[in-house]
Amino acid sequence: MRVFYIICVSFFVCTNITVATELASSDNNYTSVFDSYQNWELEGFGDWRLANDSVGEIGGWQFYSREQSLKEQNNSAELMSSGASKGVVK
């Protein structure tokens, strides 16, 4: 029984040594995604007065409100002309 135990243990040890040397000698092609990472940098602030003037020239928040309103009017006009509101299919 002792001989069998010694043979099993020696086989186990030899197998682990072989696997360990194979793993150590294999090429590792891993590249970290952080190798190309660039640190965040603060961007300079623009002239806020110039930005306010530009918004004022196009009409401010009312321009954007008017833009959405025009889209809704065009959509409803298209529906009316196609007869969709009356249930008529052309």
C-alpha atoms as a PDB file:
ATOM      1  CA  MET A   1       0.000   0.000   0.000  1.00  0.00           C
ATOM      2  CA  ARG A   2       2.858   2.316   0.790  1.00  0.00           C
ATOM      3  CA  VAL A   3       4.393   1.795  -2.642  1.00  0.00           C
ATOM      4  CA  PHE A   4       1.107   2.651  -4.306  1.00  0.00           C
ATOM      5  CA  TYR A   5       0.884   5.847  -2.247  1.00  0.00           C
ATOM      6  CA  ILE A   6       4.439   6.885  -3.200  1.00  0.00           C
ATOM      7  CA  ILE A   7       3.769   6.231  -6.881  1.00  0.00           C
ATOM      8  CA  CYS A   8       0.554   8.303  -6.851  1.00  0.00           C
ATOM      9  CA  VAL A   9       2.182  11.213  -5.022  1.00  0.00           C
ATOM     10  CA  SER A  10       5.219  11.254  -7.306  1.00  0.00           C
ATOM     11  CA  PHE A  11       2.984  11.165 -10.395  1.00  0.00           C
ATOM     12  CA  PHE A  12       0.928  14.056  -9.015  1.00  0.00           C
ATOM     13  CA  VAL A  13       4.018  16.140  -8.222  1.00  0.00           C
ATOM     14  CA  CYS A  14       5.620  15.489 -11.622  1.00  0.00           C
ATOM     15  CA  THR A  15       2.416  16.409 -13.445  1.00  0.00           C
ATOM     16  CA  ASN A  16       2.074  19.700 -11.542  1.00  0.00           C
ATOM     17  CA  ILE A  17       5.707  20.622 -12.224  1.00  0.00           C
ATOM     18  CA  THR A  18       5.228  19.992 -15.952  1.00  0.00           C
ATOM     19  CA  VAL A  19       2.060  22.101 -16.083  1.00  0.00           C
ATOM     20  CA  ALA A  20       3.690  24.909 -14.098  1.00  0.00           C
ATOM     21  CA  THR A  21       6.676  25.100 -16.455  1.00  0.00           C
ATOM     22  CA  GLU A  22       4.382  25.122 -19.500  1.00  0.00           C
ATOM     23  CA  LEU A  23       2.333  27.982 -18.064  1.00  0.00           C
ATOM     24  CA  ALA A  24       5.429  29.964 -17.156  1.00  0.00           C
ATOM     25  CA  SER A  25       6.938  29.600 -20.615  1.00  0.00           C
ATOM     26  CA  SER A  26       3.797  30.511 -22.591  1.00  0.00           C
ATOM     27  CA  ASP A  27       3.682  33.911 -24.278  1.00  0.00           C
ATOM     28  CA  ASN A  28       1.393  36.467 -22.718  1.00  0.00           C
ATOM     29  CA  ASN A  29      -0.078  38.796 -25.351  1.00  0.00           C
ATOM     30  CA  TYR A  30      -2.278  40.730 -22.934  1.00  0.00           C
ATOM     31  CA  THR A  31      -2.490  44.467 -23.514  1.00  0.00           C
ATOM     32  CA  SER A  32      -4.185  46.634 -20.949  1.00  0.00           C
ATOM     33  CA  VAL A  33      -6.767  49.147 -22.154  1.00  0.00           C
ATOM     34  CA  PHE A  34      -5.243  51.637 -19.748  1.00  0.00           C
ATOM     35  CA  ASP A  35      -1.948  51.704 -21.647  1.00  0.00           C
ATOM     36  CA  SER A  36      -3.411  54.215 -24.108  1.00  0.00           C
ATOM     37  CA  TYR A  37      -5.371  56.193 -21.495  1.00  0.00           C
ATOM     38  CA  GLN A  38      -4.938  59.944 -21.642  1.00  0.00           C
ATOM     39  CA  ASN A  39      -5.512  62.001 -18.533  1.00  0.00           C
ATOM     40  CA  TRP A  40      -8.417  64.401 -18.554  1.00  0.00           C
ATOM     41  CA  GLU A  41      -7.443  68.015 -19.075  1.00  0.00           C
ATOM     42  CA  LEU A  42      -9.478  71.087 -18.284  1.00  0.00           C
ATOM     43  CA  GLU A  43     -10.594  72.865 -21.420  1.00  0.00           C
ATOM     44  CA  GLY A  44     -10.487  76.611 -21.464  1.00  0.00           C
ATOM     45  CA  PHE A  45     -13.690  78.534 -21.034  1.00  0.00           C
ATOM     46  CA  GLY A  46     -14.988  80.608 -23.915  1.00  0.00           C
ATOM     47  CA  ASP A  47     -16.277  84.127 -23.676  1.00  0.00           C
ATOM     48  CA  TRP A  48     -19.730  83.724 -22.078  1.00  0.00           C
ATOM     49  CA  ARG A  49     -20.772  87.209 -23.153  1.00  0.00           C
ATOM     50  CA  LEU A  50     -20.169  86.299 -26.793  1.00  0.00           C
ATOM     51  CA  ALA A  51     -22.193  83.086 -26.300  1.00  0.00           C
ATOM     52  CA  ASN A  52     -25.072  85.078 -24.771  1.00  0.00           C
ATOM     53  CA  ASP A  53     -24.983  87.529 -27.666  1.00  0.00           C
ATOM     54  CA  SER A  54     -25.111  84.669 -30.185  1.00  0.00           C
ATOM     55  CA  VAL A  55     -28.148  83.167 -28.458  1.00  0.00           C
ATOM     56  CA  GLY A  56     -29.785  86.599 -28.392  1.00  0.00           C
ATOM     57  CA  GLU A  57     -29.217  87.031 -32.134  1.00  0.00           C
ATOM     58  CA  ILE A  58     -31.112  83.858 -33.019  1.00  0.00           C
ATOM     59  CA  GLY A  59     -33.952  84.674 -30.663  1.00  0.00           C
ATOM     60  CA  GLY A  60     -32.935  82.970 -27.412  1.00  0.00           C
ATOM     61  CA  TRP A  61     -35.066  80.222 -25.907  1.00  0.00           C
ATOM     62  CA  GLN A  62     -38.046  81.468 -27.903  1.00  0.00           C
ATOM     63  CA  PHE A  63     -36.324  80.391 -31.115  1.00  0.00           C
ATOM     64  CA  TYR A  64     -36.189  76.786 -29.933  1.00  0.00           C
ATOM     65  CA  SER A  65     -39.786  76.953 -28.742  1.00  0.00           C
ATOM     66  CA  ARG A  66     -40.878  78.352 -32.100  1.00  0.00           C
ATOM     67  CA  GLU A  67     -38.921  75.661 -33.924  1.00  0.00           C
ATOM     68  CA  GLN A  68     -40.826  72.869 -32.141  1.00  0.00           C
ATOM     69  CA  SER A  69     -44.115  74.645 -32.665  1.00  0.00           C
ATOM     70  CA  LEU A  70     -43.491  74.900 -36.420  1.00  0.00           C
ATOM     71  CA  LYS A  71     -42.726  71.173 -36.593  1.00  0.00           C
ATOM     72  CA  GLU A  72     -45.985  70.351 -34.844  1.00  0.00           C
ATOM     73  CA  GLN A  73     -47.942  72.689 -37.180  1.00  0.00           C
ATOM     74  CA  ASN A  74     -46.383  71.078 -40.253  1.00  0.00           C
ATOM     75  CA  ASN A  75     -47.181  67.595 -38.990  1.00  0.00           C
ATOM     76  CA  SER A  76     -50.806  68.467 -38.282  1.00  0.00           C
ATOM     77  CA  ALA A  77     -51.152  70.197 -41.681  1.00  0.00           C
ATOM     78  CA  GLU A  78     -49.852  67.054 -43.404  1.00  0.00           C
ATOM     79  CA  LEU A  79     -52.330  64.907 -41.502  1.00  0.00           C
ATOM     80  CA  MET A  80     -55.215  67.219 -42.428  1.00  0.00           C
ATOM     81  CA  SER A  81     -54.291  67.257 -46.114  1.00  0.00           C
ATOM     82  CA  SER A  82     -53.959  63.467 -46.246  1.00  0.00           C
ATOM     83  CA  GLY A  83     -57.397  62.987 -44.724  1.00  0.00           C
ATOM     84  CA  ALA A  84     -56.026  60.980 -41.812  1.00  0.00           C
ATOM     85  CA  SER A  85     -58.012  63.009 -39.304  1.00  0.00           C
ATOM     86  CA  LYS A  86     -61.261  62.136 -41.098  1.00  0.00           C
ATOM     87  CA  GLY A  87     -60.461  58.457 -41.418  1.00  0.00           C
ATOM     88  CA  VAL A  88     -60.178  58.731 -45.214  1.00  0.00           C
ATOM     89  CA  VAL A  89     -57.435  56.715 -46.865  1.00  0.00           C
ATOM     90  CA  LYS A  90     -56.111  58.000 -50.193  1.00  0.00           C
END
